[in-house]
Amino acid sequence: MKLLLTGFEPFDGEDVNPSWLAAERVPDRVGDVDIVKARIPTSFARSLDVLRAAMAREAPDAVLCLGQAGGRSAMTPERVAVNVDDARIPDNDGAQPVDEPVVPGGPAAYFATLPVKAMVRAIREAGVPAELSNTAGTFVCNHLMYGLLHILAAERPAVLGGFMHVPYLPEQAAGKDAPSLPLDGIVRGLEAAIAAIGDDVK
């Protein structure tokens, strides 16, 4: 199978985003899964266009999007995305929507179609902290996850999709009194999660 793996560019004054750094480090093949990658702008207006273009170019069997969740101490596959943009901070284009729908008239929420509980188990078995999350927030991460699942439901129902948040890197957490994970641990957990996705579709 082919999996499209995405990560975000840095935002909110950060120099790095662990979601993209980890995605870059993952090899092009994990088990039986061939991996292609795309870097997503932290932009409400542009993120889904870039994702849609990557999906059209690569025709993947599954899509796993990654994002940074500062303050979390574990890798967290997301169960659900909600149809609301409500930004605490501006995105990289300066946009800060409040109580706006991701897709006007769309369903209130979508559930991930990736095997999120199997992903959590696999990450833990790889020695990396992992928890199932029931909130992807209301910033660009949730926007991307909801938009992805909306696209799949409407246009590509055979394709699996989902989202996973990763913690700060130690260098980002310094001085913030926030938890973190080293990049090599995030990559190891990510590879385990991808292998679990591959096992689920055999």
N, C-alpha and C. Protein backbone atom coordinates (compact mmCIF):
# COMPACT_ATOMS: atom_id res chain seq x y z
N MET A 1 0.83 -1.19 0.00
CA MET A 1 0.00 0.00 0.00
C MET A 1 0.87 1.25 0.00
N LYS A 2 0.28 2.35 -0.42
CA LYS A 2 0.99 3.63 -0.42
C LYS A 2 0.33 4.56 0.59
N LEU A 3 1.15 5.17 1.44
CA LEU A 3 0.66 6.10 2.45
C LEU A 3 1.24 7.48 2.22
N LEU A 4 0.38 8.48 2.19
CA LEU A 4 0.81 9.87 2.15
C LEU A 4 0.97 10.37 3.57
N LEU A 5 2.17 10.82 3.91
CA LEU A 5 2.50 11.31 5.25
C LEU A 5 2.78 12.80 5.16
N THR A 6 2.08 13.57 5.98
CA THR A 6 2.27 15.02 5.94
C THR A 6 2.68 15.55 7.31
N GLY A 7 3.37 16.69 7.29
CA GLY A 7 3.69 17.44 8.49
C GLY A 7 3.59 18.92 8.19
N PHE A 8 3.47 19.71 9.25
CA PHE A 8 3.30 21.15 9.09
C PHE A 8 4.62 21.92 9.15
N GLU A 9 4.62 23.07 8.52
CA GLU A 9 5.71 24.03 8.67
C GLU A 9 5.65 24.64 10.07
N PRO A 10 6.76 25.27 10.55
CA PRO A 10 6.73 25.93 11.86
C PRO A 10 5.69 27.05 11.91
N PHE A 11 5.22 27.35 13.12
CA PHE A 11 4.24 28.43 13.31
C PHE A 11 4.41 29.02 14.70
N ASP A 12 3.73 30.12 14.95
CA ASP A 12 3.71 30.77 16.26
C ASP A 12 5.12 31.12 16.75
N GLY A 13 5.96 31.55 15.83
CA GLY A 13 7.31 32.00 16.20
C GLY A 13 8.34 30.91 16.38
N GLU A 14 7.95 29.65 16.19
CA GLU A 14 8.91 28.55 16.34
C GLU A 14 9.79 28.45 15.10
N ASP A 15 11.00 27.93 15.30
CA ASP A 15 11.92 27.72 14.19
C ASP A 15 11.74 26.35 13.54
N VAL A 16 11.14 25.42 14.25
CA VAL A 16 10.96 24.06 13.75
C VAL A 16 9.55 23.59 14.07
N ASN A 17 9.13 22.56 13.38
CA ASN A 17 7.88 21.87 13.71
C ASN A 17 8.20 20.38 13.72
N PRO A 18 8.09 19.71 14.88
CA PRO A 18 8.48 18.30 14.95
C PRO A 18 7.66 17.40 14.05
N SER A 19 6.46 17.83 13.68
CA SER A 19 5.66 16.97 12.79
C SER A 19 6.34 16.80 11.44
N TRP A 20 6.88 17.86 10.87
CA TRP A 20 7.54 17.74 9.59
C TRP A 20 8.94 17.15 9.73
N LEU A 21 9.66 17.53 10.79
CA LEU A 21 10.99 16.95 10.99
C LEU A 21 10.90 15.43 11.12
N ALA A 22 9.89 14.94 11.84
CA ALA A 22 9.72 13.49 11.99
C ALA A 22 9.31 12.85 10.67
N ALA A 23 8.39 13.48 9.96
CA ALA A 23 7.97 12.92 8.67
C ALA A 23 9.15 12.80 7.72
N GLU A 24 9.99 13.82 7.69
CA GLU A 24 11.17 13.79 6.82
C GLU A 24 12.09 12.62 7.15
N ARG A 25 12.19 12.26 8.42
CA ARG A 25 13.13 11.23 8.86
C ARG A 25 12.63 9.81 8.61
N VAL A 26 11.34 9.65 8.44
CA VAL A 26 10.79 8.31 8.21
C VAL A 26 11.28 7.80 6.85
N PRO A 27 11.73 6.55 6.79
CA PRO A 27 12.18 6.01 5.50
C PRO A 27 11.05 5.91 4.49
N ASP A 28 11.41 5.72 3.24
CA ASP A 28 10.41 5.69 2.17
C ASP A 28 9.61 4.38 2.15
N ARG A 29 10.01 3.44 2.96
CA ARG A 29 9.25 2.19 3.08
C ARG A 29 9.33 1.69 4.52
N VAL A 30 8.19 1.37 5.11
CA VAL A 30 8.10 0.79 6.45
C VAL A 30 7.28 -0.47 6.33
N GLY A 31 7.90 -1.62 6.51
CA GLY A 31 7.20 -2.89 6.32
C GLY A 31 6.73 -3.00 4.88
N ASP A 32 5.44 -3.18 4.70
CA ASP A 32 4.86 -3.29 3.36
C ASP A 32 4.29 -1.97 2.86
N VAL A 33 4.58 -0.88 3.56
CA VAL A 33 3.99 0.42 3.25
C VAL A 33 5.01 1.31 2.55
N ASP A 34 4.67 1.75 1.34
CA ASP A 34 5.47 2.76 0.64
C ASP A 34 4.99 4.14 1.08
N ILE A 35 5.93 5.02 1.37
CA ILE A 35 5.59 6.31 1.97
C ILE A 35 6.01 7.45 1.06
N VAL A 36 5.07 8.35 0.82
CA VAL A 36 5.34 9.60 0.13
C VAL A 36 4.98 10.73 1.09
N LYS A 37 5.57 11.91 0.89
CA LYS A 37 5.47 12.95 1.91
C LYS A 37 5.12 14.30 1.31
N ALA A 38 4.48 15.13 2.14
CA ALA A 38 4.16 16.50 1.72
C ALA A 38 4.21 17.40 2.94
N ARG A 39 4.79 18.59 2.76
CA ARG A 39 4.85 19.61 3.81
C ARG A 39 3.67 20.56 3.64
N ILE A 40 2.92 20.75 4.72
CA ILE A 40 1.67 21.49 4.67
C ILE A 40 1.87 22.88 5.30
N PRO A 41 1.39 23.93 4.66
CA PRO A 41 1.47 25.26 5.28
C PRO A 41 0.52 25.37 6.47
N THR A 42 0.95 26.05 7.51
CA THR A 42 0.09 26.27 8.67
C THR A 42 -0.83 27.44 8.35
N SER A 43 -1.80 27.16 7.51
CA SER A 43 -2.69 28.17 6.93
C SER A 43 -4.07 27.59 6.75
N PHE A 44 -5.07 28.25 7.31
CA PHE A 44 -6.44 27.81 7.08
C PHE A 44 -6.78 27.84 5.59
N ALA A 45 -6.32 28.87 4.89
CA ALA A 45 -6.71 29.05 3.49
C ALA A 45 -6.00 28.11 2.55
N ARG A 46 -4.73 27.75 2.85
CA ARG A 46 -3.91 27.03 1.88
C ARG A 46 -3.70 25.56 2.19
N SER A 47 -3.89 25.15 3.43
CA SER A 47 -3.50 23.79 3.83
C SER A 47 -4.22 22.71 3.03
N LEU A 48 -5.52 22.85 2.86
CA LEU A 48 -6.26 21.80 2.17
C LEU A 48 -5.96 21.76 0.68
N ASP A 49 -5.65 22.91 0.09
CA ASP A 49 -5.27 22.91 -1.32
C ASP A 49 -3.98 22.13 -1.54
N VAL A 50 -3.01 22.31 -0.65
CA VAL A 50 -1.74 21.59 -0.76
C VAL A 50 -1.96 20.10 -0.53
N LEU A 51 -2.78 19.76 0.46
CA LEU A 51 -3.08 18.35 0.71
C LEU A 51 -3.79 17.71 -0.48
N ARG A 52 -4.80 18.40 -1.01
CA ARG A 52 -5.54 17.86 -2.14
C ARG A 52 -4.63 17.64 -3.35
N ALA A 53 -3.72 18.57 -3.60
CA ALA A 53 -2.78 18.43 -4.72
C ALA A 53 -1.87 17.22 -4.52
N ALA A 54 -1.39 17.02 -3.29
CA ALA A 54 -0.54 15.87 -3.01
C ALA A 54 -1.30 14.56 -3.20
N MET A 55 -2.56 14.53 -2.78
CA MET A 55 -3.37 13.33 -2.96
C MET A 55 -3.61 13.04 -4.44
N ALA A 56 -3.86 14.10 -5.22
CA ALA A 56 -4.07 13.91 -6.65
C ALA A 56 -2.81 13.41 -7.33
N ARG A 57 -1.67 13.90 -6.88
CA ARG A 57 -0.39 13.53 -7.48
C ARG A 57 0.00 12.09 -7.13
N GLU A 58 -0.24 11.69 -5.89
CA GLU A 58 0.29 10.42 -5.38
C GLU A 58 -0.73 9.28 -5.38
N ALA A 59 -2.02 9.57 -5.39
CA ALA A 59 -3.07 8.55 -5.34
C ALA A 59 -2.81 7.53 -4.23
N PRO A 60 -2.73 7.97 -2.97
CA PRO A 60 -2.40 7.04 -1.88
C PRO A 60 -3.59 6.16 -1.49
N ASP A 61 -3.26 5.08 -0.79
CA ASP A 61 -4.29 4.22 -0.21
C ASP A 61 -4.69 4.69 1.18
N ALA A 62 -3.82 5.47 1.81
CA ALA A 62 -4.09 6.00 3.15
C ALA A 62 -3.35 7.32 3.30
N VAL A 63 -3.86 8.17 4.18
CA VAL A 63 -3.25 9.47 4.46
C VAL A 63 -3.14 9.62 5.97
N LEU A 64 -1.93 9.91 6.44
CA LEU A 64 -1.70 10.22 7.85
C LEU A 64 -1.07 11.60 7.94
N CYS A 65 -1.81 12.53 8.52
CA CYS A 65 -1.31 13.89 8.71
C CYS A 65 -0.80 14.03 10.14
N LEU A 66 0.28 14.77 10.30
CA LEU A 66 0.89 15.00 11.61
C LEU A 66 0.84 16.49 11.95
N GLY A 67 0.76 16.77 13.25
CA GLY A 67 0.82 18.14 13.72
C GLY A 67 1.46 18.22 15.09
N GLN A 68 1.86 19.41 15.46
CA GLN A 68 2.48 19.67 16.76
C GLN A 68 1.42 20.03 17.79
N ALA A 69 1.51 19.41 18.96
CA ALA A 69 0.62 19.76 20.08
C ALA A 69 1.49 20.06 21.30
N GLY A 70 1.93 21.30 21.41
CA GLY A 70 2.72 21.69 22.58
C GLY A 70 1.92 21.53 23.85
N GLY A 71 2.53 20.91 24.86
CA GLY A 71 1.85 20.65 26.12
C GLY A 71 1.47 19.19 26.29
N ARG A 72 1.41 18.45 25.20
CA ARG A 72 1.14 17.02 25.32
C ARG A 72 2.45 16.27 25.55
N SER A 73 2.35 15.18 26.30
CA SER A 73 3.55 14.42 26.65
C SER A 73 3.65 13.12 25.88
N ALA A 74 2.67 12.83 25.02
CA ALA A 74 2.63 11.56 24.29
C ALA A 74 2.24 11.81 22.84
N MET A 75 2.54 10.85 21.99
CA MET A 75 2.02 10.87 20.63
C MET A 75 0.55 10.49 20.69
N THR A 76 -0.29 11.26 19.99
CA THR A 76 -1.73 11.10 20.17
C THR A 76 -2.47 10.98 18.85
N PRO A 77 -2.72 9.77 18.37
CA PRO A 77 -3.64 9.61 17.25
C PRO A 77 -5.01 10.20 17.60
N GLU A 78 -5.60 10.91 16.66
CA GLU A 78 -6.86 11.60 16.90
C GLU A 78 -8.03 10.75 16.42
N ARG A 79 -9.05 10.65 17.26
CA ARG A 79 -10.24 9.87 16.91
C ARG A 79 -11.22 10.67 16.05
N VAL A 80 -11.31 12.00 16.28
CA VAL A 80 -12.41 12.77 15.70
C VAL A 80 -11.96 14.18 15.34
N ALA A 81 -12.53 14.72 14.26
CA ALA A 81 -12.34 16.12 13.86
C ALA A 81 -13.71 16.78 13.81
N VAL A 82 -13.77 18.06 14.24
CA VAL A 82 -15.05 18.77 14.30
C VAL A 82 -15.08 19.89 13.28
N ASN A 83 -16.28 20.25 12.87
CA ASN A 83 -16.47 21.22 11.80
C ASN A 83 -16.47 22.65 12.34
N VAL A 84 -15.34 23.05 12.92
CA VAL A 84 -15.23 24.42 13.42
C VAL A 84 -13.77 24.87 13.40
N ASP A 85 -13.57 26.08 12.93
CA ASP A 85 -12.29 26.78 13.04
C ASP A 85 -12.45 27.85 14.11
N ASP A 86 -11.62 27.80 15.15
CA ASP A 86 -11.70 28.76 16.25
C ASP A 86 -10.29 28.96 16.78
N ALA A 87 -9.59 29.93 16.22
CA ALA A 87 -8.14 30.05 16.40
C ALA A 87 -7.78 30.94 17.59
N ARG A 88 -7.01 30.40 18.50
CA ARG A 88 -6.49 31.17 19.64
C ARG A 88 -5.41 32.14 19.20
N ILE A 89 -4.66 31.75 18.16
CA ILE A 89 -3.58 32.58 17.62
C ILE A 89 -3.75 32.66 16.11
N PRO A 90 -3.16 33.64 15.45
CA PRO A 90 -3.23 33.70 13.99
C PRO A 90 -2.43 32.57 13.36
N ASP A 91 -2.87 32.15 12.16
CA ASP A 91 -2.07 31.19 11.40
C ASP A 91 -0.93 31.94 10.71
N ASN A 92 -0.18 31.26 9.86
CA ASN A 92 0.99 31.88 9.24
C ASN A 92 0.65 32.93 8.18
N ASP A 93 -0.63 33.02 7.84
CA ASP A 93 -1.08 34.09 6.94
C ASP A 93 -1.73 35.24 7.69
N GLY A 94 -1.75 35.13 9.02
CA GLY A 94 -2.39 36.16 9.83
C GLY A 94 -3.88 35.98 10.02
N ALA A 95 -4.43 34.89 9.51
CA ALA A 95 -5.86 34.62 9.66
C ALA A 95 -6.15 34.05 11.05
N GLN A 96 -7.25 34.49 11.62
CA GLN A 96 -7.64 34.01 12.95
C GLN A 96 -9.16 33.86 13.01
N PRO A 97 -9.69 32.83 12.32
CA PRO A 97 -11.15 32.64 12.31
C PRO A 97 -11.68 32.29 13.69
N VAL A 98 -12.89 32.73 13.96
CA VAL A 98 -13.57 32.45 15.23
C VAL A 98 -14.95 31.87 14.92
N ASP A 99 -15.20 30.68 15.43
CA ASP A 99 -16.50 30.02 15.29
C ASP A 99 -16.97 29.94 13.85
N GLU A 100 -16.06 29.59 12.94
CA GLU A 100 -16.41 29.43 11.54
C GLU A 100 -16.35 27.95 11.16
N PRO A 101 -17.20 27.48 10.27
CA PRO A 101 -17.14 26.07 9.86
C PRO A 101 -15.94 25.80 8.96
N VAL A 102 -15.39 24.61 9.07
CA VAL A 102 -14.37 24.18 8.10
C VAL A 102 -15.03 24.04 6.73
N VAL A 103 -16.17 23.37 6.70
CA VAL A 103 -16.95 23.16 5.48
C VAL A 103 -18.38 23.61 5.75
N PRO A 104 -18.81 24.74 5.24
CA PRO A 104 -20.19 25.17 5.47
C PRO A 104 -21.19 24.08 5.07
N GLY A 105 -22.08 23.75 5.97
CA GLY A 105 -23.08 22.73 5.69
C GLY A 105 -22.59 21.30 5.85
N GLY A 106 -21.31 21.13 6.22
CA GLY A 106 -20.77 19.78 6.40
C GLY A 106 -21.24 19.15 7.70
N PRO A 107 -21.01 17.85 7.86
CA PRO A 107 -21.37 17.18 9.12
C PRO A 107 -20.67 17.83 10.32
N ALA A 108 -21.24 17.66 11.50
CA ALA A 108 -20.65 18.23 12.70
C ALA A 108 -19.26 17.66 12.97
N ALA A 109 -19.03 16.41 12.61
CA ALA A 109 -17.75 15.77 12.90
C ALA A 109 -17.52 14.59 11.97
N TYR A 110 -16.26 14.21 11.85
CA TYR A 110 -15.87 12.98 11.17
C TYR A 110 -14.96 12.18 12.09
N PHE A 111 -15.10 10.87 12.06
CA PHE A 111 -14.18 9.99 12.76
C PHE A 111 -13.06 9.55 11.82
N ALA A 112 -11.85 9.45 12.36
CA ALA A 112 -10.72 8.91 11.60
C ALA A 112 -11.05 7.50 11.13
N THR A 113 -10.55 7.14 9.97
CA THR A 113 -10.75 5.79 9.45
C THR A 113 -9.48 4.95 9.55
N LEU A 114 -8.42 5.53 10.08
CA LEU A 114 -7.21 4.75 10.38
C LEU A 114 -7.44 3.96 11.68
N PRO A 115 -6.68 2.88 11.90
CA PRO A 115 -6.85 2.06 13.10
C PRO A 115 -6.19 2.71 14.32
N VAL A 116 -6.85 3.72 14.89
CA VAL A 116 -6.19 4.57 15.89
C VAL A 116 -5.79 3.80 17.15
N LYS A 117 -6.61 2.86 17.60
CA LYS A 117 -6.24 2.12 18.81
C LYS A 117 -5.06 1.18 18.55
N ALA A 118 -5.03 0.56 17.38
CA ALA A 118 -3.88 -0.27 17.03
C ALA A 118 -2.62 0.57 16.91
N MET A 119 -2.76 1.80 16.43
CA MET A 119 -1.61 2.70 16.34
C MET A 119 -1.08 3.03 17.73
N VAL A 120 -1.97 3.32 18.66
CA VAL A 120 -1.55 3.60 20.04
C VAL A 120 -0.79 2.41 20.62
N ARG A 121 -1.33 1.22 20.45
CA ARG A 121 -0.66 0.02 20.98
C ARG A 121 0.72 -0.15 20.37
N ALA A 122 0.82 0.02 19.07
CA ALA A 122 2.10 -0.18 18.39
C ALA A 122 3.14 0.84 18.85
N ILE A 123 2.73 2.08 19.02
CA ILE A 123 3.67 3.11 19.48
C ILE A 123 4.17 2.77 20.88
N ARG A 124 3.26 2.37 21.75
CA ARG A 124 3.67 1.99 23.11
C ARG A 124 4.61 0.79 23.10
N GLU A 125 4.31 -0.18 22.22
CA GLU A 125 5.19 -1.35 22.14
C GLU A 125 6.57 -0.99 21.64
N ALA A 126 6.68 0.12 20.92
CA ALA A 126 7.98 0.61 20.46
C ALA A 126 8.70 1.40 21.55
N GLY A 127 8.10 1.51 22.74
CA GLY A 127 8.73 2.19 23.86
C GLY A 127 8.53 3.70 23.88
N VAL A 128 7.49 4.16 23.19
CA VAL A 128 7.22 5.60 23.09
C VAL A 128 5.84 5.87 23.70
N PRO A 129 5.70 6.92 24.51
CA PRO A 129 4.39 7.22 25.09
C PRO A 129 3.35 7.53 24.02
N ALA A 130 2.15 6.98 24.18
CA ALA A 130 1.06 7.21 23.22
C ALA A 130 -0.27 7.14 23.94
N GLU A 131 -1.21 7.96 23.50
CA GLU A 131 -2.56 7.97 24.04
C GLU A 131 -3.53 8.27 22.90
N LEU A 132 -4.72 7.73 22.99
CA LEU A 132 -5.77 8.09 22.05
C LEU A 132 -6.34 9.44 22.46
N SER A 133 -6.49 10.35 21.50
CA SER A 133 -7.03 11.68 21.77
C SER A 133 -8.41 11.82 21.14
N ASN A 134 -9.29 12.51 21.86
CA ASN A 134 -10.62 12.78 21.36
C ASN A 134 -10.82 14.24 20.98
N THR A 135 -9.74 15.00 20.89
CA THR A 135 -9.84 16.38 20.43
C THR A 135 -8.60 16.77 19.64
N ALA A 136 -8.81 17.15 18.40
CA ALA A 136 -7.72 17.65 17.56
C ALA A 136 -7.62 19.16 17.63
N GLY A 137 -8.35 19.78 18.60
CA GLY A 137 -8.33 21.22 18.76
C GLY A 137 -9.26 21.89 17.76
N THR A 138 -9.02 23.20 17.56
CA THR A 138 -9.82 23.95 16.59
C THR A 138 -8.94 24.86 15.74
N PHE A 139 -7.63 24.53 15.69
CA PHE A 139 -6.69 25.32 14.89
C PHE A 139 -6.50 24.61 13.54
N VAL A 140 -5.39 24.84 12.88
CA VAL A 140 -5.21 24.32 11.51
C VAL A 140 -5.11 22.80 11.50
N CYS A 141 -4.66 22.19 12.60
CA CYS A 141 -4.59 20.72 12.65
C CYS A 141 -5.98 20.11 12.47
N ASN A 142 -6.93 20.57 13.27
CA ASN A 142 -8.29 20.06 13.13
C ASN A 142 -8.88 20.42 11.77
N HIS A 143 -8.58 21.63 11.30
CA HIS A 143 -9.04 22.06 9.98
C HIS A 143 -8.58 21.08 8.90
N LEU A 144 -7.31 20.68 8.97
CA LEU A 144 -6.75 19.76 7.99
C LEU A 144 -7.37 18.38 8.13
N MET A 145 -7.51 17.90 9.36
CA MET A 145 -8.07 16.57 9.58
C MET A 145 -9.52 16.51 9.10
N TYR A 146 -10.32 17.51 9.47
CA TYR A 146 -11.71 17.52 9.03
C TYR A 146 -11.79 17.62 7.51
N GLY A 147 -11.00 18.52 6.95
CA GLY A 147 -11.02 18.68 5.49
C GLY A 147 -10.60 17.41 4.77
N LEU A 148 -9.58 16.73 5.29
CA LEU A 148 -9.15 15.46 4.70
C LEU A 148 -10.29 14.45 4.71
N LEU A 149 -10.91 14.28 5.87
CA LEU A 149 -11.95 13.26 5.99
C LEU A 149 -13.18 13.63 5.18
N HIS A 150 -13.44 14.90 5.01
CA HIS A 150 -14.54 15.34 4.15
C HIS A 150 -14.24 14.99 2.69
N ILE A 151 -13.03 15.26 2.26
CA ILE A 151 -12.62 14.91 0.90
C ILE A 151 -12.75 13.41 0.67
N LEU A 152 -12.26 12.63 1.62
CA LEU A 152 -12.31 11.17 1.46
C LEU A 152 -13.75 10.67 1.42
N ALA A 153 -14.59 11.19 2.31
CA ALA A 153 -15.98 10.74 2.34
C ALA A 153 -16.70 11.07 1.03
N ALA A 154 -16.40 12.23 0.45
CA ALA A 154 -17.12 12.68 -0.73
C ALA A 154 -16.53 12.16 -2.03
N GLU A 155 -15.19 11.97 -2.05
CA GLU A 155 -14.53 11.72 -3.33
C GLU A 155 -13.70 10.43 -3.37
N ARG A 156 -13.19 9.99 -2.24
CA ARG A 156 -12.27 8.84 -2.23
C ARG A 156 -12.60 7.92 -1.06
N PRO A 157 -13.78 7.33 -1.04
CA PRO A 157 -14.21 6.55 0.13
C PRO A 157 -13.36 5.32 0.42
N ALA A 158 -12.60 4.85 -0.55
CA ALA A 158 -11.75 3.67 -0.32
C ALA A 158 -10.44 4.02 0.38
N VAL A 159 -10.12 5.30 0.47
CA VAL A 159 -8.86 5.74 1.07
C VAL A 159 -9.06 5.96 2.57
N LEU A 160 -8.13 5.46 3.37
CA LEU A 160 -8.16 5.66 4.82
C LEU A 160 -7.51 7.00 5.16
N GLY A 161 -7.96 7.61 6.25
CA GLY A 161 -7.37 8.89 6.63
C GLY A 161 -7.42 9.15 8.12
N GLY A 162 -6.47 9.95 8.58
CA GLY A 162 -6.45 10.32 9.99
C GLY A 162 -5.33 11.29 10.29
N PHE A 163 -5.19 11.59 11.57
CA PHE A 163 -4.28 12.63 12.04
C PHE A 163 -3.65 12.19 13.35
N MET A 164 -2.41 12.60 13.58
CA MET A 164 -1.74 12.33 14.85
C MET A 164 -0.95 13.55 15.29
N HIS A 165 -1.11 13.93 16.56
CA HIS A 165 -0.32 15.00 17.13
C HIS A 165 0.94 14.44 17.79
N VAL A 166 2.00 15.24 17.75
CA VAL A 166 3.25 14.88 18.42
C VAL A 166 3.65 16.02 19.35
N PRO A 167 4.38 15.71 20.43
CA PRO A 167 4.77 16.76 21.39
C PRO A 167 5.88 17.66 20.86
N TYR A 168 6.18 18.69 21.66
CA TYR A 168 7.36 19.50 21.41
C TYR A 168 8.62 18.64 21.41
N LEU A 169 9.64 19.10 20.71
CA LEU A 169 10.99 18.59 20.89
C LEU A 169 11.58 19.20 22.14
N PRO A 170 12.61 18.56 22.75
CA PRO A 170 13.21 19.12 23.97
C PRO A 170 13.70 20.56 23.79
N GLU A 171 14.27 20.88 22.64
CA GLU A 171 14.78 22.23 22.45
C GLU A 171 13.65 23.26 22.37
N GLN A 172 12.47 22.84 21.94
CA GLN A 172 11.32 23.75 21.95
C GLN A 172 10.76 23.94 23.35
N ALA A 173 10.79 22.87 24.14
CA ALA A 173 10.19 22.90 25.47
C ALA A 173 11.04 23.64 26.49
N ALA A 174 12.33 23.80 26.19
CA ALA A 174 13.23 24.47 27.14
C ALA A 174 12.70 25.88 27.44
N GLY A 175 12.53 26.17 28.72
CA GLY A 175 12.04 27.47 29.13
C GLY A 175 10.54 27.62 29.11
N LYS A 176 9.81 26.60 28.63
CA LYS A 176 8.35 26.68 28.59
C LYS A 176 7.68 25.84 29.67
N ASP A 177 8.46 25.09 30.43
CA ASP A 177 7.90 24.19 31.43
C ASP A 177 6.85 23.28 30.80
N ALA A 178 7.23 22.70 29.63
CA ALA A 178 6.31 21.85 28.88
C ALA A 178 6.95 20.49 28.64
N PRO A 179 6.16 19.43 28.52
CA PRO A 179 6.72 18.11 28.20
C PRO A 179 7.24 18.06 26.77
N SER A 180 8.05 17.06 26.50
CA SER A 180 8.63 16.93 25.17
C SER A 180 9.01 15.48 24.90
N LEU A 181 9.32 15.20 23.64
CA LEU A 181 9.87 13.91 23.23
C LEU A 181 11.03 14.17 22.27
N PRO A 182 12.11 13.40 22.38
CA PRO A 182 13.20 13.55 21.41
C PRO A 182 12.73 13.15 20.01
N LEU A 183 13.35 13.73 19.01
CA LEU A 183 12.95 13.46 17.63
C LEU A 183 13.09 11.98 17.28
N ASP A 184 14.15 11.33 17.76
CA ASP A 184 14.31 9.91 17.40
C ASP A 184 13.20 9.06 17.99
N GLY A 185 12.66 9.45 19.16
CA GLY A 185 11.54 8.73 19.73
C GLY A 185 10.26 8.94 18.93
N ILE A 186 10.04 10.18 18.49
CA ILE A 186 8.86 10.46 17.66
C ILE A 186 8.92 9.66 16.37
N VAL A 187 10.11 9.61 15.76
CA VAL A 187 10.26 8.87 14.51
C VAL A 187 10.02 7.37 14.74
N ARG A 188 10.55 6.85 15.83
CA ARG A 188 10.35 5.43 16.14
C ARG A 188 8.87 5.13 16.36
N GLY A 189 8.18 5.99 17.07
CA GLY A 189 6.76 5.80 17.28
C GLY A 189 5.97 5.92 15.98
N LEU A 190 6.38 6.85 15.14
CA LEU A 190 5.71 7.04 13.87
C LEU A 190 5.87 5.82 12.97
N GLU A 191 7.05 5.28 12.92
CA GLU A 191 7.26 4.07 12.12
C GLU A 191 6.40 2.93 12.64
N ALA A 192 6.26 2.80 13.96
CA ALA A 192 5.42 1.75 14.52
C ALA A 192 3.96 1.97 14.17
N ALA A 193 3.51 3.21 14.19
CA ALA A 193 2.13 3.52 13.84
C ALA A 193 1.86 3.19 12.37
N ILE A 194 2.80 3.52 11.51
CA ILE A 194 2.64 3.23 10.07
C ILE A 194 2.60 1.72 9.84
N ALA A 195 3.45 0.98 10.53
CA ALA A 195 3.42 -0.47 10.41
C ALA A 195 2.06 -1.03 10.84
N ALA A 196 1.47 -0.44 11.89
CA ALA A 196 0.15 -0.89 12.35
C ALA A 196 -0.92 -0.60 11.29
N ILE A 197 -0.79 0.53 10.61
CA ILE A 197 -1.73 0.84 9.53
C ILE A 197 -1.60 -0.21 8.42
N GLY A 198 -0.35 -0.52 8.06
CA GLY A 198 -0.12 -1.53 7.03
C GLY A 198 -0.68 -2.88 7.41
N ASP A 199 -0.51 -3.27 8.66
CA ASP A 199 -1.04 -4.56 9.12
C ASP A 199 -2.56 -4.58 9.08
N ASP A 200 -3.19 -3.45 9.35
CA ASP A 200 -4.64 -3.38 9.41
C ASP A 200 -5.29 -3.58 8.04
N VAL A 201 -4.59 -3.21 6.99
CA VAL A 201 -5.20 -3.27 5.65
C VAL A 201 -4.79 -4.52 4.89
N LYS A 202 -4.03 -5.40 5.50
CA LYS A 202 -3.62 -6.63 4.80
C LYS A 202 -4.82 -7.52 4.58
